[in-house]
Amino acid sequence: MSERSEEFGDTEVAVVTFTDPRHLDAYRAHLGVSFPVVADVDRALYRALGLERGTWRQVWSIGTLKLYARLLRRGRRLRRSTEDLRQLGADVVVDADGTIVRLFRPASPDARPTVDDLLAALR
């Protein structure tokens, strides 16, 4: 997404994670994004959006395993996570008035919307 961030124009983009706030800079560097990354340590936003913890089968779906295999083939080194691997995420598009116009709740971590999906939701 970072290579296409200019396509969002003056839209404000942010990443919300439940990581320890001391790790936000490293998290942003890991994602390779320049927009803000904020912490929701107690997961209040996650709960408000109805984002639950997935089953092991959801989290380690065939698609997720394929994603990690591609990363390993490209030379990416995997690190042991220190966070809740089962917490499901979402992508949310909010209009200027603060109204959610699109909520993408993928069934597994590999099923996230494309940049084109996010841009379409902004229109």
Protein backbone atom coordinates (compact mmCIF):
# COMPACT_ATOMS: atom_id res chain seq x y z
CA MET A 1 0.00 0.00 0.00
CA SER A 2 2.81 2.43 0.77
CA GLU A 3 3.85 2.53 -2.89
CA ARG A 4 0.34 3.75 -3.76
CA SER A 5 -0.25 6.09 -0.82
CA GLU A 6 -0.24 9.17 -3.07
CA GLU A 7 -3.46 7.92 -4.67
CA PHE A 8 -5.31 8.71 -1.45
CA GLY A 9 -4.68 12.43 -2.07
CA ASP A 10 -5.55 14.58 0.95
CA THR A 11 -7.43 11.72 2.63
CA GLU A 12 -6.13 11.04 6.12
CA VAL A 13 -4.89 7.49 6.51
CA ALA A 14 -3.96 5.86 9.80
CA VAL A 15 -3.16 2.39 11.07
CA VAL A 16 -4.56 1.26 14.41
CA THR A 17 -2.84 -1.61 16.19
CA PHE A 18 -2.93 -3.02 19.70
CA THR A 19 0.85 -3.16 19.95
CA ASP A 20 2.71 -1.61 22.85
CA PRO A 21 3.01 2.15 22.13
CA ARG A 22 6.79 1.90 22.60
CA HIS A 23 6.92 -0.24 19.44
CA LEU A 24 4.93 2.04 17.12
CA ASP A 25 7.95 3.41 15.23
CA ALA A 26 9.22 -0.11 14.57
CA TYR A 27 5.72 -1.19 13.55
CA ARG A 28 5.46 1.68 11.06
CA ALA A 29 8.91 0.86 9.68
CA HIS A 30 7.92 -2.80 9.35
CA LEU A 31 4.83 -1.81 7.36
CA GLY A 32 6.81 0.70 5.32
CA VAL A 33 4.20 3.45 5.69
CA SER A 34 4.57 7.15 6.36
CA PHE A 35 1.11 7.79 7.80
CA PRO A 36 0.32 7.66 11.51
CA VAL A 37 0.25 4.39 13.42
CA VAL A 38 -1.61 4.57 16.72
CA ALA A 39 -2.08 2.09 19.55
CA ASP A 40 -5.40 0.76 20.84
CA VAL A 41 -3.85 -1.31 23.61
CA ASP A 42 -7.13 -2.15 25.36
CA ARG A 43 -8.74 -2.89 21.94
CA ALA A 44 -11.70 -0.59 22.54
CA LEU A 45 -11.95 0.23 18.83
CA TYR A 46 -11.58 -3.43 17.91
CA ARG A 47 -14.52 -4.29 20.20
CA ALA A 48 -16.60 -1.36 18.95
CA LEU A 49 -16.15 -2.63 15.38
CA GLY A 50 -17.05 -6.17 16.40
CA LEU A 51 -13.60 -7.54 15.68
CA GLU A 52 -13.17 -10.81 17.48
CA ARG A 53 -10.33 -13.21 17.99
CA GLY A 54 -10.24 -15.72 15.18
CA THR A 55 -9.93 -19.45 15.43
CA TRP A 56 -6.56 -21.02 14.73
CA ARG A 57 -8.04 -22.28 11.45
CA GLN A 58 -9.00 -18.72 10.42
CA VAL A 59 -5.64 -17.26 11.35
CA TRP A 60 -3.57 -20.02 9.79
CA SER A 61 -5.70 -20.44 6.68
CA ILE A 62 -4.27 -21.82 3.45
CA GLY A 63 -4.05 -18.23 2.17
CA THR A 64 -2.09 -17.09 5.23
CA LEU A 65 0.32 -20.02 4.89
CA LYS A 66 0.82 -19.21 1.19
CA LEU A 67 1.47 -15.56 2.07
CA TYR A 68 4.20 -16.52 4.54
CA ALA A 69 5.69 -18.99 2.04
CA ARG A 70 5.94 -16.17 -0.55
CA LEU A 71 7.62 -13.90 1.99
CA LEU A 72 10.13 -16.61 2.91
CA ARG A 73 10.93 -17.27 -0.76
CA ARG A 74 11.64 -13.55 -1.16
CA GLY A 75 14.16 -13.70 1.68
CA ARG A 76 11.98 -12.32 4.44
CA ARG A 77 12.87 -13.58 7.89
CA LEU A 78 10.02 -14.43 10.19
CA ARG A 79 10.15 -13.38 13.82
CA ARG A 80 8.30 -14.83 16.77
CA SER A 81 5.30 -12.64 17.50
CA THR A 82 4.88 -11.08 20.90
CA GLU A 83 1.26 -10.15 20.22
CA ASP A 84 -2.09 -11.89 19.99
CA LEU A 85 -1.94 -13.68 16.65
CA ARG A 86 -5.62 -14.55 16.83
CA GLN A 87 -6.92 -10.96 16.95
CA LEU A 88 -8.67 -10.34 13.65
CA GLY A 89 -8.24 -6.96 12.03
CA ALA A 90 -10.24 -4.79 9.67
CA ASP A 91 -9.93 -1.97 7.21
CA VAL A 92 -12.30 0.92 7.77
CA VAL A 93 -13.16 3.84 5.50
CA VAL A 94 -14.57 6.82 7.40
CA ASP A 95 -15.93 9.94 5.71
CA ALA A 96 -15.13 13.53 6.69
CA ASP A 97 -18.11 13.57 9.08
CA GLY A 98 -16.78 10.54 10.97
CA THR A 99 -19.31 8.11 9.53
CA ILE A 100 -18.13 4.62 8.62
CA VAL A 101 -18.83 4.24 4.91
CA ARG A 102 -17.20 0.82 4.51
CA LEU A 103 -16.02 -1.78 6.97
CA PHE A 104 -13.94 -4.61 5.58
CA ARG A 105 -13.81 -7.49 8.09
CA PRO A 106 -11.80 -10.23 6.43
CA ALA A 107 -12.34 -13.83 7.47
CA SER A 108 -8.59 -14.41 7.68
CA PRO A 109 -5.45 -12.22 7.76
CA ASP A 110 -4.66 -12.82 4.09
CA ALA A 111 -8.08 -11.67 2.84
CA ARG A 112 -7.56 -7.91 3.22
CA PRO A 113 -9.06 -5.47 0.70
CA THR A 114 -6.89 -4.18 -2.10
CA VAL A 115 -5.89 -0.55 -2.44
CA ASP A 116 -8.39 -0.36 -5.30
CA ASP A 117 -11.15 -1.57 -2.92
CA LEU A 118 -10.24 1.13 -0.39
CA LEU A 119 -10.10 3.85 -3.04
CA ALA A 120 -13.49 2.76 -4.44
CA ALA A 121 -15.00 3.04 -0.95
CA LEU A 122 -13.76 6.65 -0.75
CA ARG A 123 -15.71 7.63 -3.86
